[in-house]
Amino acid sequence: HIITTRPERDWVPRGYRDEGPARVRIEVRGGDVRDLDIHVGGEWRDIDAARDLGDVPAEEAATFFLTLARNGRAGVAEDAVFPATIARGVDPWPAILGLARDRTRPEDVRESAMFWIGQEAGQKVAAELESVVNDSSEDVELRKKAVFALTQRPDPECVPILLRLARTHPDPEVRGAVFFWLAQKDDPRVLDLFEEILLGG
């Protein structure tokens, strides 16, 4: 449910476990989107019909937000990634992965894409994240964000990749990030790795 140019205070939550619909406030000035806020569930107070776009089909909404993420102003584009991920029945992940790899976009936008990939995407994305970590032409900070995104995947999926990166990655800063996140994992294979390193095995 999308409205335009509405104060944030006009949204009223209904409860912590409210499951929807997604409600979006968009501030538009001079035909340009300047601000974006999203809430899941709740309701608007006293909606002005002239500014209420009403319910928008999920696929249409996802396309709008992905376009905004690809082409919008930096702050707005960064905020547009999340609503694209929660559109029901839509698979936004190929587009969001492309956004994370798009070096023409601001770093904050790419990092937002990387974060949500780690939070939500399916198993096939883990290999893509690993490829970002291993891309020596990529910015080190973004590669470290990809490491973090990997850690958000289930342990059976991410731990083998992190162990491989810890053993083989050539960049000490990226490897440091890998070791940091591995240390948070309660997995005997991680202890085996640390023992191997400490004992010079």
Protein backbone atom coordinates (compact mmCIF):
# COMPACT_ATOMS: atom_id res chain seq x y z
CA HIS A 1 0.00 0.00 0.00
CA ILE A 2 1.72 3.18 -1.18
CA ILE A 3 1.06 6.83 -0.41
CA THR A 4 3.04 9.93 -1.35
CA THR A 5 4.31 12.85 0.74
CA ARG A 6 2.98 11.87 4.14
CA PRO A 7 4.53 12.54 7.56
CA GLU A 8 6.09 9.53 9.27
CA ARG A 9 4.05 10.24 12.42
CA ASP A 10 0.83 9.41 10.54
CA TRP A 11 1.62 5.67 10.62
CA VAL A 12 0.14 3.66 13.52
CA PRO A 13 1.57 0.20 14.37
CA ARG A 14 -0.78 -2.65 15.26
CA GLY A 15 1.62 -4.99 17.02
CA TYR A 16 5.05 -6.58 16.91
CA ARG A 17 3.89 -9.66 14.98
CA ASP A 18 1.83 -7.82 12.39
CA GLU A 19 2.50 -9.57 9.05
CA GLY A 20 1.30 -7.01 6.58
CA PRO A 21 0.56 -5.54 4.24
CA ALA A 22 3.69 -3.52 3.57
CA ARG A 23 2.96 0.20 3.75
CA VAL A 24 5.23 2.66 2.00
CA ARG A 25 5.51 6.42 2.26
CA ILE A 26 7.23 8.13 -0.66
CA GLU A 27 8.17 11.80 -0.67
CA VAL A 28 8.22 13.22 -4.19
CA ARG A 29 9.42 16.70 -5.08
CA GLY A 30 9.69 17.96 -8.64
CA GLY A 31 8.97 14.49 -9.97
CA ASP A 32 11.94 13.06 -8.06
CA VAL A 33 11.72 10.60 -5.16
CA ARG A 34 13.47 12.30 -2.22
CA ASP A 35 12.58 10.03 0.71
CA LEU A 36 11.17 6.58 1.35
CA ASP A 37 9.86 4.83 4.48
CA ILE A 38 8.42 1.35 4.74
CA HIS A 39 6.42 -0.37 7.47
CA VAL A 40 4.98 -3.85 7.65
CA GLY A 41 1.37 -3.82 8.82
CA GLY A 42 -0.13 -1.01 10.86
CA GLU A 43 -2.24 1.67 9.25
CA TRP A 44 -2.24 5.31 8.20
CA ARG A 45 -4.24 7.96 10.00
CA ASP A 46 -6.72 9.97 7.91
CA ILE A 47 -5.41 9.10 4.44
CA ASP A 48 -5.67 11.90 1.89
CA ALA A 49 -7.24 10.15 -1.13
CA ALA A 50 -5.51 12.55 -3.52
CA ARG A 51 -2.15 11.23 -2.38
CA ASP A 52 -3.05 7.59 -1.75
CA LEU A 53 -2.01 5.18 -4.50
CA GLY A 54 -3.81 2.35 -2.73
CA ASP A 55 -2.87 -1.30 -2.99
CA VAL A 56 -0.22 -2.00 -5.61
CA PRO A 57 0.36 -5.50 -7.06
CA ALA A 58 3.47 -7.12 -5.58
CA GLU A 59 5.26 -7.56 -8.91
CA GLU A 60 4.61 -3.95 -9.90
CA ALA A 61 5.81 -2.70 -6.51
CA ALA A 62 8.98 -4.83 -6.64
CA THR A 63 9.77 -3.53 -10.13
CA PHE A 64 9.32 0.05 -8.93
CA PHE A 65 11.63 -0.40 -5.93
CA LEU A 66 14.29 -2.25 -7.92
CA THR A 67 14.25 0.53 -10.53
CA LEU A 68 14.58 3.07 -7.73
CA ALA A 69 17.50 1.11 -6.26
CA ARG A 70 19.22 1.04 -9.66
CA ASN A 71 18.59 4.65 -10.64
CA GLY A 72 17.54 6.70 -7.61
CA ARG A 73 19.44 9.08 -5.35
CA ALA A 74 21.94 7.32 -3.07
CA GLY A 75 19.97 7.47 0.21
CA VAL A 76 16.65 6.61 -1.40
CA ALA A 77 18.17 3.87 -3.54
CA GLU A 78 19.67 2.25 -0.44
CA ASP A 79 16.27 2.25 1.29
CA ALA A 80 14.52 0.86 -1.80
CA VAL A 81 16.28 -2.51 -1.65
CA PHE A 82 14.43 -3.86 1.39
CA PRO A 83 10.84 -3.37 0.14
CA ALA A 84 11.78 -5.18 -3.07
CA THR A 85 12.76 -8.23 -0.99
CA ILE A 86 9.38 -8.60 0.74
CA ALA A 87 7.06 -8.40 -2.27
CA ARG A 88 5.05 -11.61 -2.06
CA GLY A 89 5.49 -14.14 -4.87
CA VAL A 90 8.31 -12.20 -6.53
CA ASP A 91 11.92 -13.39 -6.98
CA PRO A 92 14.01 -10.19 -6.75
CA TRP A 93 17.33 -11.88 -5.99
CA PRO A 94 18.90 -11.96 -9.46
CA ALA A 95 18.28 -8.21 -9.77
CA ILE A 96 19.53 -7.50 -6.25
CA LEU A 97 22.65 -9.57 -6.85
CA GLY A 98 23.22 -7.57 -10.04
CA LEU A 99 22.83 -4.40 -7.99
CA ALA A 100 25.43 -5.60 -5.49
CA ARG A 101 27.86 -6.15 -8.38
CA ASP A 102 27.10 -2.84 -10.13
CA ARG A 103 30.16 -0.66 -9.61
CA THR A 104 28.39 2.39 -11.01
CA ARG A 105 26.10 2.53 -7.96
CA PRO A 106 27.10 4.17 -4.64
CA GLU A 107 28.79 1.86 -2.15
CA ASP A 108 25.98 2.23 0.41
CA VAL A 109 23.48 0.97 -2.16
CA ARG A 110 25.65 -2.02 -3.04
CA GLU A 111 26.21 -2.80 0.65
CA SER A 112 22.45 -2.67 1.29
CA ALA A 113 21.93 -5.17 -1.53
CA MET A 114 24.66 -7.40 -0.12
CA PHE A 115 23.13 -7.28 3.36
CA TRP A 116 19.67 -8.34 2.22
CA ILE A 117 21.10 -11.09 0.03
CA GLY A 118 22.69 -12.53 3.15
CA GLN A 119 19.49 -12.20 5.16
CA GLU A 120 16.97 -13.60 2.74
CA ALA A 121 18.29 -15.22 -0.39
CA GLY A 122 18.34 -18.93 -1.14
CA GLN A 123 21.22 -21.36 -1.09
CA LYS A 124 22.31 -20.68 -4.67
CA VAL A 125 23.40 -17.19 -3.67
CA ALA A 126 26.14 -18.44 -1.33
CA ALA A 127 28.36 -19.30 -4.29
CA GLU A 128 27.77 -15.84 -5.74
CA LEU A 129 28.74 -14.22 -2.45
CA GLU A 130 31.90 -16.30 -2.33
CA SER A 131 32.77 -15.11 -5.83
CA VAL A 132 32.43 -11.49 -4.66
CA VAL A 133 34.76 -12.20 -1.73
CA ASN A 134 37.29 -13.72 -4.14
CA ASP A 135 37.09 -10.90 -6.69
CA SER A 136 40.44 -9.14 -6.28
CA SER A 137 39.29 -6.21 -8.43
CA GLU A 138 36.47 -5.45 -5.98
CA ASP A 139 36.68 -2.93 -3.13
CA VAL A 140 37.95 -4.55 0.10
CA GLU A 141 35.11 -3.12 2.20
CA LEU A 142 32.50 -4.58 -0.12
CA ARG A 143 34.27 -7.95 -0.04
CA LYS A 144 34.11 -7.83 3.76
CA LYS A 145 30.39 -7.07 3.50
CA ALA A 146 30.05 -10.18 1.35
CA VAL A 147 31.79 -12.16 4.09
CA PHE A 148 29.24 -10.87 6.59
CA ALA A 149 26.40 -11.70 4.21
CA LEU A 150 27.71 -15.26 4.01
CA THR A 151 27.64 -15.55 7.81
CA GLN A 152 23.89 -14.86 7.75
CA ARG A 153 23.27 -18.07 5.84
CA PRO A 154 22.59 -21.29 7.82
CA ASP A 155 25.75 -22.77 9.32
CA PRO A 156 25.72 -25.96 7.21
CA GLU A 157 25.78 -23.71 4.16
CA CYS A 158 28.21 -20.99 5.21
CA VAL A 159 30.76 -22.65 7.50
CA PRO A 160 32.44 -24.78 4.78
CA ILE A 161 32.79 -21.68 2.58
CA LEU A 162 34.18 -19.59 5.44
CA LEU A 163 36.67 -22.34 6.33
CA ARG A 164 37.81 -22.47 2.73
CA LEU A 165 38.24 -18.70 2.62
CA ALA A 166 40.12 -18.72 5.92
CA ARG A 167 42.62 -21.19 4.52
CA THR A 168 43.06 -19.80 1.03
CA HIS A 169 42.11 -16.14 0.72
CA PRO A 170 45.18 -14.03 -0.19
CA ASP A 171 44.00 -10.70 1.26
CA PRO A 172 44.88 -10.42 4.99
CA GLU A 173 42.13 -7.89 5.67
CA VAL A 174 39.44 -10.09 4.14
CA ARG A 175 40.85 -13.17 5.88
CA GLY A 176 40.75 -11.22 9.15
CA ALA A 177 37.03 -10.62 8.63
CA VAL A 178 36.53 -14.32 7.88
CA PHE A 179 38.34 -15.33 11.08
CA PHE A 180 36.33 -12.82 13.11
CA TRP A 181 33.01 -14.27 11.95
CA LEU A 182 34.19 -17.86 12.20
CA ALA A 183 34.99 -17.21 15.87
CA GLN A 184 31.28 -16.55 16.42
CA LYS A 185 30.33 -20.00 15.14
CA ASP A 186 29.75 -22.92 17.50
CA ASP A 187 31.14 -25.56 15.17
CA PRO A 188 33.89 -28.11 15.94
CA ARG A 189 35.39 -27.59 12.47
CA VAL A 190 36.16 -24.00 13.42
CA LEU A 191 38.01 -25.12 16.55
CA ASP A 192 39.91 -27.65 14.45
CA LEU A 193 41.01 -24.85 12.12
CA PHE A 194 42.13 -22.60 14.96
CA GLU A 195 44.04 -25.48 16.56
CA GLU A 196 45.67 -26.25 13.22
CA ILE A 197 46.82 -22.63 12.87
CA LEU A 198 47.96 -22.20 16.48
CA LEU A 199 49.93 -25.45 16.46
CA GLY A 200 51.43 -24.71 13.07
CA GLY A 201 49.78 -27.68 11.40
